[in-house]
Amino acid sequence: RSERSVAILAQGHRRHRNCPVLSLPLPPSRTMPKQITEIRQFLQIARRKDARSVKIKKNGASTKFKIRCSSYLYTLIMADKGKADKLKQSLPPSLQKKEI
């Protein structure tokens, strides 16, 4: 690659006029997860119609709740095991749950 194209790519430009692949506009990123810090907000997302499933991952010190929606993966990290158990029980029963 030329120094110019490397510089353009390093600057974060989304188009490059000399390369047909790089000249296409990139779609918005829908695979990046979003971290939620509020339990109430997380429960509201869990009740949405586009929420498909929740994965519950228990680590040594924390529990991660990951809700897959149509556009984003929402993550909530709980350090308190008691609160994590209560949150697990308060998830909607229609939501598919998978413990990892």
PDB file of N, CA and C in Angstrom:
ATOM      1  N   ARG A   1       0.839  -1.184   0.000  1.00  0.00           N
ATOM      2  CA  ARG A   1       0.000   0.000   0.000  1.00  0.00           C
ATOM      3  C   ARG A   1       0.878   1.240   0.000  1.00  0.00           C
ATOM      4  N   SER A   2       0.334   2.244  -0.601  1.00  0.00           N
ATOM      5  CA  SER A   2       1.078   3.495  -0.605  1.00  0.00           C
ATOM      6  C   SER A   2       0.956   4.161   0.763  1.00  0.00           C
ATOM      7  N   GLU A   3       1.864   5.091   1.010  1.00  0.00           N
ATOM      8  CA  GLU A   3       1.833   5.790   2.299  1.00  0.00           C
ATOM      9  C   GLU A   3       0.542   6.592   2.455  1.00  0.00           C
ATOM     10  N   ARG A   4       0.054   7.121   1.340  1.00  0.00           N
ATOM     11  CA  ARG A   4      -1.178   7.917   1.387  1.00  0.00           C
ATOM     12  C   ARG A   4      -2.371   7.056   1.807  1.00  0.00           C
ATOM     13  N   SER A   5      -2.493   5.872   1.224  1.00  0.00           N
ATOM     14  CA  SER A   5      -3.642   5.032   1.569  1.00  0.00           C
ATOM     15  C   SER A   5      -3.549   4.543   3.009  1.00  0.00           C
ATOM     16  N   VAL A   6      -2.336   4.257   3.471  1.00  0.00           N
ATOM     17  CA  VAL A   6      -2.165   3.844   4.862  1.00  0.00           C
ATOM     18  C   VAL A   6      -2.525   4.995   5.789  1.00  0.00           C
ATOM     19  N   ALA A   7      -2.142   6.211   5.413  1.00  0.00           N
ATOM     20  CA  ALA A   7      -2.454   7.378   6.234  1.00  0.00           C
ATOM     21  C   ALA A   7      -3.958   7.623   6.279  1.00  0.00           C
ATOM     22  N   ILE A   8      -4.618   7.439   5.132  1.00  0.00           N
ATOM     23  CA  ILE A   8      -6.068   7.642   5.092  1.00  0.00           C
ATOM     24  C   ILE A   8      -6.766   6.604   5.955  1.00  0.00           C
ATOM     25  N   LEU A   9      -6.332   5.339   5.859  1.00  0.00           N
ATOM     26  CA  LEU A   9      -6.939   4.293   6.669  1.00  0.00           C
ATOM     27  C   LEU A   9      -6.651   4.501   8.151  1.00  0.00           C
ATOM     28  N   ALA A  10      -5.458   4.990   8.478  1.00  0.00           N
ATOM     29  CA  ALA A  10      -5.104   5.224   9.875  1.00  0.00           C
ATOM     30  C   ALA A  10      -5.924   6.363  10.469  1.00  0.00           C
ATOM     31  N   GLN A  11      -6.336   7.312   9.623  1.00  0.00           N
ATOM     32  CA  GLN A  11      -7.132   8.433  10.113  1.00  0.00           C
ATOM     33  C   GLN A  11      -8.579   8.039  10.356  1.00  0.00           C
ATOM     34  N   GLY A  12      -8.976   6.867   9.901  1.00  0.00           N
ATOM     35  CA  GLY A  12     -10.329   6.414  10.156  1.00  0.00           C
ATOM     36  C   GLY A  12     -11.318   6.764   9.066  1.00  0.00           C
ATOM     37  N   HIS A  13     -10.846   7.159   7.881  1.00  0.00           N
ATOM     38  CA  HIS A  13     -11.762   7.447   6.785  1.00  0.00           C
ATOM     39  C   HIS A  13     -12.449   6.168   6.352  1.00  0.00           C
ATOM     40  N   ARG A  14     -13.681   6.270   5.946  1.00  0.00           N
ATOM     41  CA  ARG A  14     -14.458   5.088   5.594  1.00  0.00           C
ATOM     42  C   ARG A  14     -14.450   4.829   4.088  1.00  0.00           C
ATOM     43  N   ARG A  15     -13.886   5.719   3.297  1.00  0.00           N
ATOM     44  CA  ARG A  15     -13.863   5.531   1.849  1.00  0.00           C
ATOM     45  C   ARG A  15     -12.449   5.750   1.324  1.00  0.00           C
ATOM     46  N   HIS A  16     -12.165   5.079   0.235  1.00  0.00           N
ATOM     47  CA  HIS A  16     -10.890   5.265  -0.436  1.00  0.00           C
ATOM     48  C   HIS A  16     -11.163   5.188  -1.920  1.00  0.00           C
ATOM     49  N   ARG A  17     -10.824   6.226  -2.673  1.00  0.00           N
ATOM     50  CA  ARG A  17     -11.268   6.303  -4.065  1.00  0.00           C
ATOM     51  C   ARG A  17     -10.532   5.370  -5.013  1.00  0.00           C
ATOM     52  N   ASN A  18      -9.339   4.899  -4.677  1.00  0.00           N
ATOM     53  CA  ASN A  18      -8.577   4.061  -5.599  1.00  0.00           C
ATOM     54  C   ASN A  18      -8.899   2.579  -5.473  1.00  0.00           C
ATOM     55  N   CYS A  19      -9.481   2.168  -4.417  1.00  0.00           N
ATOM     56  CA  CYS A  19      -9.759   0.754  -4.186  1.00  0.00           C
ATOM     57  C   CYS A  19     -11.276   0.533  -4.199  1.00  0.00           C
ATOM     58  N   PRO A  20     -11.778  -0.340  -5.094  1.00  0.00           N
ATOM     59  CA  PRO A  20     -13.233  -0.518  -5.168  1.00  0.00           C
ATOM     60  C   PRO A  20     -13.838  -1.110  -3.898  1.00  0.00           C
ATOM     61  N   VAL A  21     -13.090  -1.922  -3.187  1.00  0.00           N
ATOM     62  CA  VAL A  21     -13.624  -2.510  -1.962  1.00  0.00           C
ATOM     63  C   VAL A  21     -13.709  -1.468  -0.859  1.00  0.00           C
ATOM     64  N   LEU A  22     -12.673  -0.643  -0.744  1.00  0.00           N
ATOM     65  CA  LEU A  22     -12.658   0.364   0.313  1.00  0.00           C
ATOM     66  C   LEU A  22     -13.510   1.581  -0.018  1.00  0.00           C
ATOM     67  N   SER A  23     -13.936   1.728  -1.284  1.00  0.00           N
ATOM     68  CA  SER A  23     -14.738   2.892  -1.643  1.00  0.00           C
ATOM     69  C   SER A  23     -16.205   2.715  -1.278  1.00  0.00           C
ATOM     70  N   LEU A  24     -16.608   1.491  -0.936  1.00  0.00           N
ATOM     71  CA  LEU A  24     -17.990   1.264  -0.532  1.00  0.00           C
ATOM     72  C   LEU A  24     -18.217   1.810   0.872  1.00  0.00           C
ATOM     73  N   PRO A  25     -19.355   2.452   1.104  1.00  0.00           N
ATOM     74  CA  PRO A  25     -19.628   2.912   2.474  1.00  0.00           C
ATOM     75  C   PRO A  25     -19.862   1.718   3.384  1.00  0.00           C
ATOM     76  N   LEU A  26     -19.346   1.794   4.575  1.00  0.00           N
ATOM     77  CA  LEU A  26     -19.487   0.698   5.525  1.00  0.00           C
ATOM     78  C   LEU A  26     -20.827   0.790   6.237  1.00  0.00           C
ATOM     79  N   PRO A  27     -21.488  -0.337   6.459  1.00  0.00           N
ATOM     80  CA  PRO A  27     -22.751  -0.293   7.202  1.00  0.00           C
ATOM     81  C   PRO A  27     -22.484   0.036   8.661  1.00  0.00           C
ATOM     82  N   PRO A  28     -23.466   0.568   9.357  1.00  0.00           N
ATOM     83  CA  PRO A  28     -23.249   0.841  10.779  1.00  0.00           C
ATOM     84  C   PRO A  28     -22.996  -0.451  11.534  1.00  0.00           C
ATOM     85  N   SER A  29     -22.126  -0.376  12.504  1.00  0.00           N
ATOM     86  CA  SER A  29     -21.757  -1.570  13.258  1.00  0.00           C
ATOM     87  C   SER A  29     -22.905  -1.986  14.163  1.00  0.00           C
ATOM     88  N   ARG A  30     -23.394  -3.205  13.988  1.00  0.00           N
ATOM     89  CA  ARG A  30     -24.483  -3.715  14.811  1.00  0.00           C
ATOM     90  C   ARG A  30     -24.019  -4.862  15.681  1.00  0.00           C
ATOM     91  N   THR A  31     -22.745  -5.172  15.625  1.00  0.00           N
ATOM     92  CA  THR A  31     -22.259  -6.301  16.392  1.00  0.00           C
ATOM     93  C   THR A  31     -21.597  -5.878  17.691  1.00  0.00           C
ATOM     94  N   MET A  32     -21.366  -4.606  17.864  1.00  0.00           N
ATOM     95  CA  MET A  32     -20.705  -4.157  19.079  1.00  0.00           C
ATOM     96  C   MET A  32     -21.679  -4.224  20.253  1.00  0.00           C
ATOM     97  N   PRO A  33     -21.237  -4.767  21.368  1.00  0.00           N
ATOM     98  CA  PRO A  33     -22.127  -4.834  22.527  1.00  0.00           C
ATOM     99  C   PRO A  33     -22.228  -3.483  23.231  1.00  0.00           C
ATOM    100  N   LYS A  34     -23.303  -3.321  23.960  1.00  0.00           N
ATOM    101  CA  LYS A  34     -23.482  -2.117  24.770  1.00  0.00           C
ATOM    102  C   LYS A  34     -23.591  -2.551  26.219  1.00  0.00           C
ATOM    103  N   GLN A  35     -22.824  -1.883  27.069  1.00  0.00           N
ATOM    104  CA  GLN A  35     -22.859  -2.233  28.486  1.00  0.00           C
ATOM    105  C   GLN A  35     -23.874  -1.356  29.202  1.00  0.00           C
ATOM    106  N   ILE A  36     -24.712  -2.000  29.993  1.00  0.00           N
ATOM    107  CA  ILE A  36     -25.739  -1.332  30.782  1.00  0.00           C
ATOM    108  C   ILE A  36     -25.280  -1.348  32.234  1.00  0.00           C
ATOM    109  N   THR A  37     -25.479  -0.235  32.936  1.00  0.00           N
ATOM    110  CA  THR A  37     -25.086  -0.175  34.344  1.00  0.00           C
ATOM    111  C   THR A  37     -26.292  -0.165  35.279  1.00  0.00           C
ATOM    112  N   GLU A  38     -27.471   0.161  34.760  1.00  0.00           N
ATOM    113  CA  GLU A  38     -28.680   0.245  35.578  1.00  0.00           C
ATOM    114  C   GLU A  38     -29.498  -1.041  35.458  1.00  0.00           C
ATOM    115  N   ILE A  39     -29.898  -1.605  36.588  1.00  0.00           N
ATOM    116  CA  ILE A  39     -30.701  -2.835  36.588  1.00  0.00           C
ATOM    117  C   ILE A  39     -32.077  -2.570  35.985  1.00  0.00           C
ATOM    118  N   ARG A  40     -32.670  -1.440  36.311  1.00  0.00           N
ATOM    119  CA  ARG A  40     -34.002  -1.103  35.797  1.00  0.00           C
ATOM    120  C   ARG A  40     -33.990  -1.004  34.272  1.00  0.00           C
ATOM    121  N   GLN A  41     -32.973  -0.362  33.729  1.00  0.00           N
ATOM    122  CA  GLN A  41     -32.853  -0.236  32.277  1.00  0.00           C
ATOM    123  C   GLN A  41     -32.665  -1.610  31.625  1.00  0.00           C
ATOM    124  N   PHE A  42     -31.895  -2.476  32.269  1.00  0.00           N
ATOM    125  CA  PHE A  42     -31.667  -3.823  31.753  1.00  0.00           C
ATOM    126  C   PHE A  42     -32.976  -4.620  31.716  1.00  0.00           C
ATOM    127  N   LEU A  43     -33.796  -4.498  32.750  1.00  0.00           N
ATOM    128  CA  LEU A  43     -35.077  -5.206  32.777  1.00  0.00           C
ATOM    129  C   LEU A  43     -36.043  -4.664  31.723  1.00  0.00           C
ATOM    130  N   GLN A  44     -35.988  -3.371  31.456  1.00  0.00           N
ATOM    131  CA  GLN A  44     -36.822  -2.804  30.398  1.00  0.00           C
ATOM    132  C   GLN A  44     -36.416  -3.357  29.038  1.00  0.00           C
ATOM    133  N   ILE A  45     -35.120  -3.509  28.820  1.00  0.00           N
ATOM    134  CA  ILE A  45     -34.635  -4.091  27.563  1.00  0.00           C
ATOM    135  C   ILE A  45     -35.057  -5.551  27.469  1.00  0.00           C
ATOM    136  N   ALA A  46     -35.028  -6.269  28.580  1.00  0.00           N
ATOM    137  CA  ALA A  46     -35.412  -7.684  28.585  1.00  0.00           C
ATOM    138  C   ALA A  46     -36.889  -7.866  28.246  1.00  0.00           C
ATOM    139  N   ARG A  47     -37.722  -6.876  28.528  1.00  0.00           N
ATOM    140  CA  ARG A  47     -39.155  -6.976  28.248  1.00  0.00           C
ATOM    141  C   ARG A  47     -39.524  -6.544  26.834  1.00  0.00           C
ATOM    142  N   ARG A  48     -38.550  -6.030  26.082  1.00  0.00           N
ATOM    143  CA  ARG A  48     -38.848  -5.591  24.720  1.00  0.00           C
ATOM    144  C   ARG A  48     -39.196  -6.772  23.822  1.00  0.00           C
ATOM    145  N   LYS A  49     -39.903  -6.502  22.735  1.00  0.00           N
ATOM    146  CA  LYS A  49     -40.320  -7.565  21.820  1.00  0.00           C
ATOM    147  C   LYS A  49     -39.152  -8.137  21.033  1.00  0.00           C
ATOM    148  N   ASP A  50     -38.125  -7.335  20.780  1.00  0.00           N
ATOM    149  CA  ASP A  50     -37.003  -7.830  19.974  1.00  0.00           C
ATOM    150  C   ASP A  50     -35.948  -8.556  20.804  1.00  0.00           C
ATOM    151  N   ALA A  51     -36.139  -8.678  22.112  1.00  0.00           N
ATOM    152  CA  ALA A  51     -35.204  -9.436  22.957  1.00  0.00           C
ATOM    153  C   ALA A  51     -35.435 -10.921  22.708  1.00  0.00           C
ATOM    154  N   ARG A  52     -34.370 -11.610  22.262  1.00  0.00           N
ATOM    155  CA  ARG A  52     -34.508 -13.016  21.884  1.00  0.00           C
ATOM    156  C   ARG A  52     -34.088 -13.971  22.985  1.00  0.00           C
ATOM    157  N   SER A  53     -32.920 -13.720  23.572  1.00  0.00           N
ATOM    158  CA  SER A  53     -32.390 -14.665  24.557  1.00  0.00           C
ATOM    159  C   SER A  53     -31.482 -13.938  25.532  1.00  0.00           C
ATOM    160  N   VAL A  54     -31.220 -14.606  26.648  1.00  0.00           N
ATOM    161  CA  VAL A  54     -30.292 -14.078  27.640  1.00  0.00           C
ATOM    162  C   VAL A  54     -29.305 -15.178  27.997  1.00  0.00           C
ATOM    163  N   LYS A  55     -28.034 -14.810  28.037  1.00  0.00           N
ATOM    164  CA  LYS A  55     -26.985 -15.734  28.474  1.00  0.00           C
ATOM    165  C   LYS A  55     -26.491 -15.252  29.827  1.00  0.00           C
ATOM    166  N   ILE A  56     -26.396 -16.171  30.764  1.00  0.00           N
ATOM    167  CA  ILE A  56     -25.944 -15.838  32.111  1.00  0.00           C
ATOM    168  C   ILE A  56     -24.613 -16.528  32.315  1.00  0.00           C
ATOM    169  N   LYS A  57     -23.572 -15.733  32.475  1.00  0.00           N
ATOM    170  CA  LYS A  57     -22.224 -16.276  32.619  1.00  0.00           C
ATOM    171  C   LYS A  57     -21.703 -15.935  34.005  1.00  0.00           C
ATOM    172  N   LYS A  58     -21.415 -16.972  34.785  1.00  0.00           N
ATOM    173  CA  LYS A  58     -20.914 -16.771  36.141  1.00  0.00           C
ATOM    174  C   LYS A  58     -19.399 -16.917  36.147  1.00  0.00           C
ATOM    175  N   ASN A  59     -18.741 -15.864  36.588  1.00  0.00           N
ATOM    176  CA  ASN A  59     -17.297 -15.894  36.797  1.00  0.00           C
ATOM    177  C   ASN A  59     -17.049 -16.037  38.292  1.00  0.00           C
ATOM    178  N   GLY A  60     -15.804 -16.019  38.694  1.00  0.00           N
ATOM    179  CA  GLY A  60     -15.495 -16.156  40.112  1.00  0.00           C
ATOM    180  C   GLY A  60     -16.069 -15.041  40.957  1.00  0.00           C
ATOM    181  N   ALA A  61     -15.920 -13.805  40.518  1.00  0.00           N
ATOM    182  CA  ALA A  61     -16.334 -12.669  41.337  1.00  0.00           C
ATOM    183  C   ALA A  61     -17.595 -11.982  40.833  1.00  0.00           C
ATOM    184  N   SER A  62     -17.996 -12.237  39.594  1.00  0.00           N
ATOM    185  CA  SER A  62     -19.127 -11.502  39.039  1.00  0.00           C
ATOM    186  C   SER A  62     -20.000 -12.409  38.174  1.00  0.00           C
ATOM    187  N   THR A  63     -21.165 -11.886  37.836  1.00  0.00           N
ATOM    188  CA  THR A  63     -22.100 -12.571  36.947  1.00  0.00           C
ATOM    189  C   THR A  63     -22.432 -11.618  35.812  1.00  0.00           C
ATOM    190  N   LYS A  64     -22.347 -12.120  34.579  1.00  0.00           N
ATOM    191  CA  LYS A  64     -22.661 -11.311  33.409  1.00  0.00           C
ATOM    192  C   LYS A  64     -23.985 -11.779  32.821  1.00  0.00           C
ATOM    193  N   PHE A  65     -24.853 -10.817  32.536  1.00  0.00           N
ATOM    194  CA  PHE A  65     -26.113 -11.075  31.854  1.00  0.00           C
ATOM    195  C   PHE A  65     -26.008 -10.445  30.474  1.00  0.00           C
ATOM    196  N   LYS A  66     -26.214 -11.250  29.436  1.00  0.00           N
ATOM    197  CA  LYS A  66     -26.105 -10.758  28.066  1.00  0.00           C
ATOM    198  C   LYS A  66     -27.421 -11.005  27.351  1.00  0.00           C
ATOM    199  N   ILE A  67     -28.095  -9.928  26.961  1.00  0.00           N
ATOM    200  CA  ILE A  67     -29.371 -10.035  26.257  1.00  0.00           C
ATOM    201  C   ILE A  67     -29.140  -9.745  24.783  1.00  0.00           C
ATOM    202  N   ARG A  68     -29.565 -10.679  23.938  1.00  0.00           N
ATOM    203  CA  ARG A  68     -29.457 -10.506  22.494  1.00  0.00           C
ATOM    204  C   ARG A  68     -30.759  -9.898  21.988  1.00  0.00           C
ATOM    205  N   CYS A  69     -30.642  -8.700  21.419  1.00  0.00           N
ATOM    206  CA  CYS A  69     -31.775  -8.048  20.775  1.00  0.00           C
ATOM    207  C   CYS A  69     -31.503  -8.000  19.273  1.00  0.00           C
ATOM    208  N   SER A  70     -32.415  -7.404  18.519  1.00  0.00           N
ATOM    209  CA  SER A  70     -32.271  -7.432  17.070  1.00  0.00           C
ATOM    210  C   SER A  70     -31.061  -6.639  16.587  1.00  0.00           C
ATOM    211  N   SER A  71     -30.717  -5.565  17.267  1.00  0.00           N
ATOM    212  CA  SER A  71     -29.613  -4.749  16.772  1.00  0.00           C
ATOM    213  C   SER A  71     -28.366  -4.790  17.645  1.00  0.00           C
ATOM    214  N   TYR A  72     -28.492  -5.018  18.928  1.00  0.00           N
ATOM    215  CA  TYR A  72     -27.338  -4.975  19.822  1.00  0.00           C
ATOM    216  C   TYR A  72     -27.358  -6.128  20.810  1.00  0.00           C
ATOM    217  N   LEU A  73     -26.203  -6.385  21.372  1.00  0.00           N
ATOM    218  CA  LEU A  73     -26.064  -7.300  22.499  1.00  0.00           C
ATOM    219  C   LEU A  73     -25.842  -6.423  23.726  1.00  0.00           C
ATOM    220  N   TYR A  74     -26.744  -6.480  24.677  1.00  0.00           N
ATOM    221  CA  TYR A  74     -26.657  -5.657  25.883  1.00  0.00           C
ATOM    222  C   TYR A  74     -26.094  -6.496  27.022  1.00  0.00           C
ATOM    223  N   THR A  75     -25.141  -5.929  27.760  1.00  0.00           N
ATOM    224  CA  THR A  75     -24.459  -6.653  28.828  1.00  0.00           C
ATOM    225  C   THR A  75     -24.599  -5.892  30.140  1.00  0.00           C
ATOM    226  N   LEU A  76     -24.893  -6.644  31.194  1.00  0.00           N
ATOM    227  CA  LEU A  76     -24.922  -6.103  32.554  1.00  0.00           C
ATOM    228  C   LEU A  76     -24.019  -6.973  33.405  1.00  0.00           C
ATOM    229  N   ILE A  77     -23.092  -6.364  34.132  1.00  0.00           N
ATOM    230  CA  ILE A  77     -22.170  -7.095  35.000  1.00  0.00           C
ATOM    231  C   ILE A  77     -22.558  -6.807  36.442  1.00  0.00           C
ATOM    232  N   MET A  78     -22.821  -7.881  37.193  1.00  0.00           N
ATOM    233  CA  MET A  78     -23.211  -7.748  38.598  1.00  0.00           C
ATOM    234  C   MET A  78     -22.148  -8.397  39.467  1.00  0.00           C
ATOM    235  N   ALA A  79     -21.669  -7.665  40.460  1.00  0.00           N
ATOM    236  CA  ALA A  79     -20.667  -8.209  41.372  1.00  0.00           C
ATOM    237  C   ALA A  79     -21.319  -8.929  42.549  1.00  0.00           C
ATOM    238  N   ASP A  80     -22.521  -8.508  42.921  1.00  0.00           N
ATOM    239  CA  ASP A  80     -23.227  -9.092  44.062  1.00  0.00           C
ATOM    240  C   ASP A  80     -24.005 -10.332  43.611  1.00  0.00           C
ATOM    241  N   LYS A  81     -23.707 -11.486  44.213  1.00  0.00           N
ATOM    242  CA  LYS A  81     -24.357 -12.738  43.811  1.00  0.00           C
ATOM    243  C   LYS A  81     -25.827 -12.776  44.215  1.00  0.00           C
ATOM    244  N   GLY A  82     -26.175 -12.180  45.329  1.00  0.00           N
ATOM    245  CA  GLY A  82     -27.571 -12.140  45.760  1.00  0.00           C
ATOM    246  C   GLY A  82     -28.437 -11.350  44.791  1.00  0.00           C
ATOM    247  N   LYS A  83     -27.935 -10.185  44.373  1.00  0.00           N
ATOM    248  CA  LYS A  83     -28.672  -9.374  43.409  1.00  0.00           C
ATOM    249  C   LYS A  83     -28.755 -10.078  42.061  1.00  0.00           C
ATOM    250  N   ALA A  84     -27.698 -10.801  41.706  1.00  0.00           N
ATOM    251  CA  ALA A  84     -27.699 -11.532  40.434  1.00  0.00           C
ATOM    252  C   ALA A  84     -28.767 -12.620  40.437  1.00  0.00           C
ATOM    253  N   ASP A  85     -28.937 -13.315  41.564  1.00  0.00           N
ATOM    254  CA  ASP A  85     -29.975 -14.345  41.654  1.00  0.00           C
ATOM    255  C   ASP A  85     -31.374 -13.731  41.563  1.00  0.00           C
ATOM    256  N   LYS A  86     -31.570 -12.574  42.211  1.00  0.00           N
ATOM    257  CA  LYS A  86     -32.866 -11.903  42.139  1.00  0.00           C
ATOM    258  C   LYS A  86     -33.158 -11.432  40.716  1.00  0.00           C
ATOM    259  N   LEU A  87     -32.127 -10.921  40.050  1.00  0.00           N
ATOM    260  CA  LEU A  87     -32.304 -10.464  38.674  1.00  0.00           C
ATOM    261  C   LEU A  87     -32.638 -11.638  37.759  1.00  0.00           C
ATOM    262  N   LYS A  88     -32.001 -12.755  37.988  1.00  0.00           N
ATOM    263  CA  LYS A  88     -32.261 -13.958  37.186  1.00  0.00           C
ATOM    264  C   LYS A  88     -33.716 -14.402  37.333  1.00  0.00           C
ATOM    265  N   GLN A  89     -34.260 -14.314  38.544  1.00  0.00           N
ATOM    266  CA  GLN A  89     -35.646 -14.703  38.787  1.00  0.00           C
ATOM    267  C   GLN A  89     -36.641 -13.698  38.211  1.00  0.00           C
ATOM    268  N   SER A  90     -36.222 -12.439  38.089  1.00  0.00           N
ATOM    269  CA  SER A  90     -37.143 -11.413  37.609  1.00  0.00           C
ATOM    270  C   SER A  90     -37.131 -11.252  36.090  1.00  0.00           C
ATOM    271  N   LEU A  91     -36.313 -12.036  35.382  1.00  0.00           N
ATOM    272  CA  LEU A  91     -36.332 -11.981  33.923  1.00  0.00           C
ATOM    273  C   LEU A  91     -37.645 -12.569  33.407  1.00  0.00           C
ATOM    274  N   PRO A  92     -38.146 -12.072  32.294  1.00  0.00           N
ATOM    275  CA  PRO A  92     -39.414 -12.588  31.761  1.00  0.00           C
ATOM    276  C   PRO A  92     -39.323 -14.078  31.429  1.00  0.00           C
ATOM    277  N   PRO A  93     -40.363 -14.852  31.736  1.00  0.00           N
ATOM    278  CA  PRO A  93     -40.318 -16.294  31.465  1.00  0.00           C
ATOM    279  C   PRO A  93     -40.313 -16.625  29.976  1.00  0.00           C
ATOM    280  N   SER A  94     -40.787 -15.705  29.140  1.00  0.00           N
ATOM    281  CA  SER A  94     -40.808 -15.965  27.699  1.00  0.00           C
ATOM    282  C   SER A  94     -39.418 -15.862  27.070  1.00  0.00           C
ATOM    283  N   LEU A  95     -38.485 -15.258  27.785  1.00  0.00           N
ATOM    284  CA  LEU A  95     -37.129 -15.077  27.273  1.00  0.00           C
ATOM    285  C   LEU A  95     -36.341 -16.372  27.430  1.00  0.00           C
ATOM    286  N   GLN A  96     -35.704 -16.802  26.350  1.00  0.00           N
ATOM    287  CA  GLN A  96     -34.911 -18.030  26.388  1.00  0.00           C
ATOM    288  C   GLN A  96     -33.655 -17.785  27.224  1.00  0.00           C
ATOM    289  N   LYS A  97     -33.431 -18.621  28.239  1.00  0.00           N
ATOM    290  CA  LYS A  97     -32.293 -18.448  29.144  1.00  0.00           C
ATOM    291  C   LYS A  97     -31.282 -19.557  28.923  1.00  0.00           C
ATOM    292  N   LYS A  98     -29.999 -19.172  28.940  1.00  0.00           N
ATOM    293  CA  LYS A  98     -28.921 -20.147  28.783  1.00  0.00           C
ATOM    294  C   LYS A  98     -27.825 -19.790  29.779  1.00  0.00           C
ATOM    295  N   GLU A  99     -27.504 -20.734  30.659  1.00  0.00           N
ATOM    296  CA  GLU A  99     -26.450 -20.499  31.650  1.00  0.00           C
ATOM    297  C   GLU A  99     -25.145 -21.071  31.133  1.00  0.00           C
ATOM    298  N   ILE A 100     -24.112 -20.263  31.239  1.00  0.00           N
ATOM    299  CA  ILE A 100     -22.781 -20.682  30.780  1.00  0.00           C
ATOM    300  C   ILE A 100     -21.869 -20.807  31.978  1.00  0.00           C
TER     301      ILE A 100
END
